[in-house]
N, C-alpha and C. Protein backbone atom coordinates (compact mmCIF):
# COMPACT_ATOMS: atom_id res chain seq x y z
N MET A 1 57.50 80.16 67.32
CA MET A 1 56.25 80.36 66.59
C MET A 1 56.55 79.82 65.32
N LYS A 2 55.50 79.00 64.70
CA LYS A 2 55.66 78.58 63.33
C LYS A 2 54.60 79.43 62.37
N TYR A 3 55.29 79.65 61.32
CA TYR A 3 54.46 80.26 60.20
C TYR A 3 54.39 79.46 58.99
N VAL A 4 53.33 79.56 58.23
CA VAL A 4 53.25 78.74 56.92
C VAL A 4 52.54 79.60 55.86
N PHE A 5 53.02 79.37 54.67
CA PHE A 5 52.27 79.96 53.55
C PHE A 5 52.37 79.12 52.33
N PHE A 6 51.21 79.13 51.59
CA PHE A 6 51.34 78.18 50.47
C PHE A 6 51.30 78.93 49.13
N TYR A 7 52.15 78.37 48.11
CA TYR A 7 52.33 78.84 46.82
C TYR A 7 51.98 77.84 45.71
N LYS A 8 51.48 78.33 44.66
CA LYS A 8 51.30 77.55 43.44
C LYS A 8 52.52 77.32 42.75
N THR A 9 52.89 76.09 42.37
CA THR A 9 54.13 75.75 41.81
C THR A 9 53.88 74.94 40.67
N PRO A 10 54.85 74.54 39.66
CA PRO A 10 54.65 73.54 38.73
C PRO A 10 54.31 72.11 39.13
N ILE A 11 54.50 71.90 40.33
CA ILE A 11 54.22 70.47 40.83
C ILE A 11 52.99 70.64 41.81
N GLY A 12 52.12 71.65 41.77
CA GLY A 12 51.11 71.82 42.75
C GLY A 12 51.46 72.73 43.90
N LYS A 13 50.38 72.92 44.71
CA LYS A 13 50.75 73.85 45.93
C LYS A 13 51.86 73.26 46.84
N LEU A 14 52.59 74.09 47.25
CA LEU A 14 53.61 73.79 48.17
C LEU A 14 53.48 74.93 49.46
N GLY A 15 53.57 74.16 50.61
CA GLY A 15 53.68 75.12 51.64
C GLY A 15 54.88 75.36 52.30
N VAL A 16 55.36 76.39 52.66
CA VAL A 16 56.70 76.79 53.38
C VAL A 16 56.41 76.90 54.76
N VAL A 17 57.09 76.33 55.63
CA VAL A 17 56.98 76.72 56.99
C VAL A 17 58.24 77.15 57.57
N GLU A 18 58.06 78.30 58.42
CA GLU A 18 59.29 78.80 59.04
C GLU A 18 59.14 78.67 60.63
N THR A 19 60.13 78.12 61.03
CA THR A 19 60.21 77.86 62.61
C THR A 19 61.40 78.54 63.09
N ASN A 20 61.37 79.54 64.10
CA ASN A 20 62.51 80.23 64.74
C ASN A 20 63.36 80.74 63.67
N GLY A 21 63.00 81.27 62.69
CA GLY A 21 63.73 82.11 61.58
C GLY A 21 64.57 81.33 60.63
N ALA A 22 63.93 79.94 60.44
CA ALA A 22 64.52 79.16 59.51
C ALA A 22 63.39 78.25 59.01
N VAL A 23 63.54 77.85 57.70
CA VAL A 23 62.68 76.88 56.95
C VAL A 23 62.71 75.57 57.65
N SER A 24 61.63 75.07 58.09
CA SER A 24 61.62 73.79 58.85
C SER A 24 60.80 72.68 57.93
N HIS A 25 60.00 73.02 57.10
CA HIS A 25 59.14 72.05 56.26
C HIS A 25 58.85 72.75 54.90
N ILE A 26 58.81 71.84 53.96
CA ILE A 26 58.16 72.15 52.68
C ILE A 26 56.90 71.05 52.62
N LEU A 27 55.67 71.49 52.47
CA LEU A 27 54.53 70.77 52.44
C LEU A 27 53.92 70.65 51.12
N PHE A 28 53.73 69.35 50.76
CA PHE A 28 53.00 69.00 49.47
C PHE A 28 51.54 69.31 49.70
N GLU A 29 50.91 70.07 48.78
CA GLU A 29 49.55 70.45 48.62
C GLU A 29 49.01 71.01 49.97
N ASP A 30 47.80 71.13 50.21
CA ASP A 30 47.33 71.59 51.51
C ASP A 30 47.26 70.55 52.64
N GLY A 31 48.16 69.55 52.55
CA GLY A 31 48.14 68.53 53.36
C GLY A 31 48.16 68.79 54.88
N ALA A 32 48.37 68.00 55.63
CA ALA A 32 48.26 68.28 57.20
C ALA A 32 49.10 69.42 57.59
N LEU A 33 48.33 70.46 58.12
CA LEU A 33 49.08 71.50 58.65
C LEU A 33 49.72 71.18 60.01
N LEU A 34 50.89 71.73 60.35
CA LEU A 34 51.43 71.51 61.54
C LEU A 34 50.77 72.09 62.65
N PRO A 35 50.65 71.57 63.86
CA PRO A 35 49.98 72.17 64.96
C PRO A 35 50.77 73.60 65.28
N ASP A 36 49.82 74.37 65.80
CA ASP A 36 50.26 75.69 66.16
C ASP A 36 50.99 76.59 64.89
N CYS A 37 50.64 76.29 63.76
CA CYS A 37 51.20 77.07 62.49
C CYS A 37 50.15 78.24 62.40
N VAL A 38 50.61 79.37 62.18
CA VAL A 38 49.95 80.51 61.93
C VAL A 38 50.25 80.80 60.26
N LYS A 39 49.06 81.10 59.68
CA LYS A 39 49.22 81.28 58.14
C LYS A 39 49.68 82.85 57.91
N LYS A 40 50.95 82.93 57.61
CA LYS A 40 51.47 84.26 57.41
C LYS A 40 52.78 84.17 56.35
N GLU A 41 52.71 85.12 55.51
CA GLU A 41 53.97 85.02 54.54
C GLU A 41 54.91 86.08 55.10
N THR A 42 55.99 85.38 55.77
CA THR A 42 57.06 86.27 56.35
C THR A 42 58.17 86.50 55.35
N PRO A 43 58.98 87.50 55.65
CA PRO A 43 60.10 87.58 54.55
C PRO A 43 60.75 86.38 54.30
N LEU A 44 61.10 85.62 55.22
CA LEU A 44 62.03 84.45 54.96
C LEU A 44 61.22 83.51 54.10
N ILE A 45 59.88 83.31 54.41
CA ILE A 45 58.97 82.30 53.63
C ILE A 45 59.00 82.88 52.14
N LYS A 46 58.81 84.37 52.09
CA LYS A 46 58.75 84.91 50.68
C LYS A 46 60.09 84.64 49.81
N LYS A 47 61.23 84.75 50.73
CA LYS A 47 62.54 84.50 50.06
C LYS A 47 62.73 83.02 49.54
N MET A 48 62.07 82.16 50.31
CA MET A 48 62.07 80.70 50.05
C MET A 48 61.32 80.51 48.76
N ASN A 49 60.12 81.08 48.56
CA ASN A 49 59.36 81.09 47.47
C ASN A 49 60.10 81.55 46.34
N VAL A 50 60.77 82.70 46.38
CA VAL A 50 61.52 83.19 45.09
C VAL A 50 62.63 82.11 44.73
N GLN A 51 63.23 81.52 45.74
CA GLN A 51 64.23 80.45 45.35
C GLN A 51 63.59 79.40 44.79
N LEU A 52 62.33 78.93 45.28
CA LEU A 52 61.67 77.66 44.67
C LEU A 52 61.32 78.10 43.18
N LYS A 53 60.74 79.35 43.03
CA LYS A 53 60.50 79.72 41.68
C LYS A 53 61.62 79.60 40.72
N GLU A 54 62.91 80.09 41.12
CA GLU A 54 64.20 80.07 40.50
C GLU A 54 64.57 78.63 40.20
N TYR A 55 64.41 77.86 41.06
CA TYR A 55 64.55 76.31 40.93
C TYR A 55 63.80 75.70 39.92
N PHE A 56 62.41 75.97 39.83
CA PHE A 56 61.56 75.39 38.87
C PHE A 56 61.89 76.07 37.57
N GLU A 57 62.50 77.27 37.44
CA GLU A 57 62.76 77.85 36.22
C GLU A 57 64.04 77.25 35.61
N GLY A 58 64.73 76.66 36.54
CA GLY A 58 66.14 76.02 36.31
C GLY A 58 67.30 76.93 36.26
N THR A 59 67.14 77.99 37.13
CA THR A 59 68.15 79.08 37.23
C THR A 59 68.82 78.93 38.61
N ARG A 60 68.24 78.23 39.54
CA ARG A 60 68.86 78.00 40.85
C ARG A 60 69.08 76.52 41.02
N LYS A 61 70.52 76.23 41.28
CA LYS A 61 70.89 74.85 41.52
C LYS A 61 71.14 74.59 42.84
N LYS A 62 71.23 75.57 43.83
CA LYS A 62 71.42 75.39 45.30
C LYS A 62 70.51 76.40 45.96
N PHE A 63 70.17 76.07 47.22
CA PHE A 63 69.27 76.93 48.11
C PHE A 63 70.39 77.50 49.11
N ASP A 64 70.09 78.76 49.44
CA ASP A 64 70.93 79.39 50.42
C ASP A 64 69.87 79.91 51.59
N ILE A 65 69.11 79.11 52.08
CA ILE A 65 68.11 79.58 53.03
C ILE A 65 68.62 78.86 54.42
N PRO A 66 68.41 79.64 55.53
CA PRO A 66 68.66 78.77 56.70
C PRO A 66 67.58 77.75 57.00
N LEU A 67 68.14 76.56 57.46
CA LEU A 67 67.24 75.35 57.65
C LEU A 67 67.21 75.00 59.14
N HIS A 68 66.03 74.59 59.59
CA HIS A 68 65.74 74.25 60.90
C HIS A 68 65.54 72.70 60.82
N LEU A 69 66.51 71.97 61.01
CA LEU A 69 66.42 70.45 60.81
C LEU A 69 65.92 69.80 62.27
N GLU A 70 64.78 69.04 62.15
CA GLU A 70 64.16 68.35 63.03
C GLU A 70 64.33 66.92 62.91
N GLY A 71 65.12 66.37 63.66
CA GLY A 71 65.32 64.68 63.50
C GLY A 71 66.38 64.35 64.47
N THR A 72 66.77 63.17 64.21
CA THR A 72 67.93 62.40 65.09
C THR A 72 69.36 62.93 64.30
N GLU A 73 70.26 62.73 65.13
CA GLU A 73 71.63 63.01 64.51
C GLU A 73 71.95 62.32 63.34
N PHE A 74 71.44 60.92 63.30
CA PHE A 74 71.69 60.16 62.17
C PHE A 74 70.98 60.78 61.00
N GLN A 75 69.65 60.97 61.06
CA GLN A 75 68.73 61.78 59.96
C GLN A 75 69.63 63.09 59.57
N LYS A 76 70.01 63.82 60.47
CA LYS A 76 70.65 64.92 60.06
C LYS A 76 71.83 64.78 59.18
N LYS A 77 72.59 63.64 59.75
CA LYS A 77 73.77 63.35 58.84
C LYS A 77 73.56 63.04 57.44
N VAL A 78 72.30 62.22 57.12
CA VAL A 78 71.92 61.73 56.04
C VAL A 78 71.57 63.06 55.24
N TRP A 79 70.73 63.95 55.79
CA TRP A 79 70.21 65.05 55.06
C TRP A 79 71.49 65.97 54.58
N ARG A 80 72.35 66.03 55.47
CA ARG A 80 73.47 66.98 55.16
C ARG A 80 74.16 66.26 53.82
N ALA A 81 74.11 65.03 53.88
CA ALA A 81 74.89 64.24 52.58
C ALA A 81 74.05 64.59 51.36
N LEU A 82 72.61 64.48 51.60
CA LEU A 82 71.75 64.70 50.43
C LEU A 82 71.96 66.06 49.76
N ILE A 83 72.19 67.08 50.60
CA ILE A 83 72.30 68.52 50.14
C ILE A 83 73.63 68.58 49.31
N LYS A 84 74.53 67.70 49.43
CA LYS A 84 75.65 67.58 48.70
C LYS A 84 75.62 66.79 47.22
N ILE A 85 74.47 66.32 46.96
CA ILE A 85 74.25 65.68 45.76
C ILE A 85 74.19 66.76 44.68
N PRO A 86 74.94 66.66 43.68
CA PRO A 86 74.86 67.86 42.61
C PRO A 86 73.45 67.81 42.05
N TYR A 87 73.00 69.04 41.74
CA TYR A 87 71.90 69.35 40.77
C TYR A 87 71.98 68.44 39.53
N GLY A 88 70.88 67.83 39.12
CA GLY A 88 70.89 66.95 37.96
C GLY A 88 71.53 65.57 38.09
N LYS A 89 72.09 65.28 39.26
CA LYS A 89 72.70 63.95 39.47
C LYS A 89 71.77 63.12 40.41
N THR A 90 71.95 61.88 40.29
CA THR A 90 71.36 60.96 41.31
C THR A 90 72.44 60.05 41.96
N CYS A 91 72.10 59.30 43.08
CA CYS A 91 72.89 58.48 43.65
C CYS A 91 71.98 57.47 44.39
N SER A 92 72.46 56.41 44.70
CA SER A 92 71.70 55.31 45.39
C SER A 92 71.71 55.48 46.92
N TYR A 93 70.88 54.78 47.54
CA TYR A 93 70.85 54.72 49.09
C TYR A 93 72.10 54.15 49.46
N LYS A 94 72.69 53.23 48.83
CA LYS A 94 73.98 52.69 49.23
C LYS A 94 75.04 53.67 49.03
N ASP A 95 75.00 54.58 48.10
CA ASP A 95 75.95 55.65 47.82
C ASP A 95 76.09 56.47 49.16
N ILE A 96 74.89 56.92 49.51
CA ILE A 96 74.71 57.78 50.74
C ILE A 96 75.07 57.07 51.88
N ALA A 97 74.90 55.87 52.01
CA ALA A 97 75.26 55.10 53.36
C ALA A 97 76.81 55.09 53.27
N GLU A 98 77.48 54.86 52.12
CA GLU A 98 78.84 54.82 52.22
C GLU A 98 79.48 56.14 52.44
N LYS A 99 78.88 57.35 51.87
CA LYS A 99 79.35 58.61 52.19
C LYS A 99 79.27 59.00 53.71
N ILE A 100 78.31 58.46 54.45
CA ILE A 100 78.30 58.76 55.82
C ILE A 100 78.90 57.73 56.67
N ASN A 101 79.70 56.98 56.00
CA ASN A 101 80.57 55.84 56.78
C ASN A 101 79.66 54.90 57.52
N ASN A 102 78.68 54.41 56.76
CA ASN A 102 77.69 53.38 57.29
C ASN A 102 77.34 52.55 56.09
N PRO A 103 78.32 51.73 55.64
CA PRO A 103 78.08 51.10 54.32
C PRO A 103 76.96 50.06 54.32
N LYS A 104 76.50 49.49 55.50
CA LYS A 104 75.39 48.68 55.48
C LYS A 104 74.14 49.23 55.75
N GLY A 105 74.07 50.54 55.96
CA GLY A 105 73.04 51.35 56.44
C GLY A 105 71.99 51.73 55.41
N MET A 106 71.90 51.10 54.21
CA MET A 106 70.94 51.44 53.23
C MET A 106 69.57 51.68 53.51
N ARG A 107 69.06 50.77 54.47
CA ARG A 107 67.67 50.91 54.84
C ARG A 107 67.48 52.04 55.86
N ALA A 108 68.41 52.21 56.80
CA ALA A 108 68.35 53.31 57.57
C ALA A 108 68.45 54.75 56.81
N VAL A 109 69.25 54.85 55.78
CA VAL A 109 69.23 55.90 54.98
C VAL A 109 67.86 56.20 54.22
N GLY A 110 67.16 55.02 53.74
CA GLY A 110 65.83 55.11 53.36
C GLY A 110 64.95 55.61 54.29
N MET A 111 64.96 55.26 55.52
CA MET A 111 64.10 55.72 56.55
C MET A 111 64.37 57.20 56.82
N ALA A 112 65.54 57.63 56.82
CA ALA A 112 65.99 59.05 56.98
C ALA A 112 65.36 59.94 55.91
N ASN A 113 65.43 59.37 54.58
CA ASN A 113 64.92 60.11 53.53
C ASN A 113 63.36 60.16 53.54
N ASN A 114 62.81 59.24 54.12
CA ASN A 114 61.42 59.22 54.35
C ASN A 114 60.91 60.31 55.35
N LYS A 115 61.81 60.62 56.34
CA LYS A 115 61.51 61.53 57.43
C LYS A 115 61.98 63.02 56.98
N ASN A 116 62.54 63.18 55.76
CA ASN A 116 62.95 64.56 55.44
C ASN A 116 61.69 65.49 55.22
N LYS A 117 61.73 66.53 56.17
CA LYS A 117 60.70 67.49 56.09
C LYS A 117 60.81 68.63 55.15
N ILE A 118 62.02 68.75 54.51
CA ILE A 118 62.26 69.75 53.73
C ILE A 118 62.58 69.27 52.09
N PRO A 119 61.81 68.58 51.55
CA PRO A 119 61.96 68.10 50.26
C PRO A 119 62.14 69.28 49.21
N ILE A 120 62.94 68.91 48.18
CA ILE A 120 63.48 69.80 47.18
C ILE A 120 64.79 70.57 47.61
N VAL A 121 64.54 71.31 48.68
CA VAL A 121 65.75 71.91 49.26
C VAL A 121 66.82 70.75 49.85
N ILE A 122 66.31 69.87 50.62
CA ILE A 122 67.22 68.71 50.84
C ILE A 122 66.71 67.67 49.89
N PRO A 123 67.44 67.45 48.86
CA PRO A 123 66.98 66.77 47.64
C PRO A 123 66.85 65.19 47.73
N CYS A 124 66.07 64.74 48.43
CA CYS A 124 65.78 63.28 48.49
C CYS A 124 65.17 62.80 47.34
N HIS A 125 64.77 63.60 46.37
CA HIS A 125 64.30 63.02 45.03
C HIS A 125 65.52 62.66 44.27
N ARG A 126 66.69 63.03 44.48
CA ARG A 126 67.88 62.62 43.86
C ARG A 126 68.32 61.06 44.19
N VAL A 127 67.73 60.50 45.14
CA VAL A 127 68.20 59.33 45.73
C VAL A 127 67.16 58.24 45.04
N ILE A 128 67.85 57.33 44.34
CA ILE A 128 67.15 56.17 43.58
C ILE A 128 67.69 54.81 43.97
N GLY A 129 67.08 53.74 43.58
CA GLY A 129 67.42 52.43 43.82
C GLY A 129 68.74 52.08 43.21
N ALA A 130 69.46 51.09 43.77
CA ALA A 130 70.73 50.81 43.28
C ALA A 130 70.65 50.31 41.76
N ASN A 131 69.35 49.84 41.26
CA ASN A 131 69.27 49.48 39.88
C ASN A 131 68.70 50.55 38.99
N GLY A 132 68.64 51.77 39.53
CA GLY A 132 68.26 53.01 38.79
C GLY A 132 66.73 53.25 38.84
N THR A 133 66.02 52.42 39.60
CA THR A 133 64.45 52.69 39.63
C THR A 133 64.23 53.75 40.70
N LEU A 134 63.09 54.33 40.51
CA LEU A 134 62.58 55.39 41.48
C LEU A 134 62.04 54.61 42.62
N ILE A 135 62.26 55.08 43.78
CA ILE A 135 61.73 54.41 45.06
C ILE A 135 61.24 55.36 45.92
N GLY A 136 59.97 55.42 46.25
CA GLY A 136 59.35 56.28 47.22
C GLY A 136 59.62 57.79 47.22
N TYR A 137 58.58 58.48 47.46
CA TYR A 137 58.73 59.95 47.51
C TYR A 137 57.36 60.60 48.20
N ALA A 138 57.64 61.31 48.86
CA ALA A 138 56.57 62.06 49.82
C ALA A 138 55.41 62.64 48.85
N GLY A 139 56.02 63.27 47.86
CA GLY A 139 55.01 63.90 46.89
C GLY A 139 54.50 62.92 45.77
N GLY A 140 55.04 61.74 45.82
CA GLY A 140 54.66 60.68 44.81
C GLY A 140 55.69 60.57 43.78
N LEU A 141 55.84 59.33 43.27
CA LEU A 141 56.73 58.97 42.12
C LEU A 141 56.61 59.94 40.97
N PRO A 142 55.43 60.24 40.38
CA PRO A 142 55.35 61.01 39.32
C PRO A 142 56.19 62.53 39.58
N ILE A 143 55.89 62.94 40.88
CA ILE A 143 56.74 64.24 41.15
C ILE A 143 58.13 64.04 41.24
N LYS A 144 58.51 62.99 41.75
CA LYS A 144 59.95 62.87 41.91
C LYS A 144 60.41 62.68 40.51
N GLN A 145 59.73 61.95 39.53
CA GLN A 145 60.23 61.95 38.07
C GLN A 145 60.34 63.33 37.52
N LEU A 146 59.33 64.06 37.69
CA LEU A 146 59.19 65.40 37.10
C LEU A 146 60.31 66.18 37.58
N LEU A 147 60.72 66.16 39.03
CA LEU A 147 61.95 67.01 39.47
C LEU A 147 63.14 66.51 38.77
N LEU A 148 63.32 65.21 38.69
CA LEU A 148 64.52 64.66 38.12
C LEU A 148 64.52 65.13 36.49
N ASP A 149 63.50 64.93 36.04
CA ASP A 149 63.48 65.39 34.51
C ASP A 149 63.77 67.03 34.34
N LEU A 150 63.14 67.72 35.19
CA LEU A 150 63.44 69.13 35.26
C LEU A 150 64.94 69.51 35.38
N GLU A 151 65.55 68.67 36.33
CA GLU A 151 67.05 69.02 36.71
C GLU A 151 67.84 68.56 35.50
N SER A 152 67.59 67.36 34.89
CA SER A 152 68.46 66.87 33.78
C SER A 152 68.19 67.81 32.58
N SER A 153 67.06 68.45 32.34
CA SER A 153 66.99 69.30 31.21
C SER A 153 67.51 70.62 31.34
N LYS A 154 67.93 70.94 32.53
CA LYS A 154 68.50 72.43 32.82
C LYS A 154 69.90 72.49 33.29
N LYS A 155 70.56 71.44 33.16
CA LYS A 155 72.04 71.27 33.69
C LYS A 155 72.82 72.17 33.05
């Protein structure tokens, strides 16, 4: 069973989806609801909301919620590397490719970032172009910039 509940945040409404006792998605706005999702605020979803509030206040640097990762083994490897990017820091797609021992896999890393279903918690917003430019973000580049600014101001 999948449950979803939406909360107002400084970057707009975010939906938290719980699948089998773990967070599986963070949805921007009231976008596409997942099939067979029941709108219900479960204890885990409520806990995720508390942690998101703490993140936006600058008091939470890491999340400690069980995650339900849905993707290929390569994508999961990339997402696990993203979780290790320190709060307030950025790295390039090339940096991530090298960290997962696939030095020529920058495009594949970019595609895995694009498939990240748990933004903010899996901080794909911390990955930028090699020249320091912002590249792609499911919530839009202004939100990516806002998240990076938030983190750099609360280090």
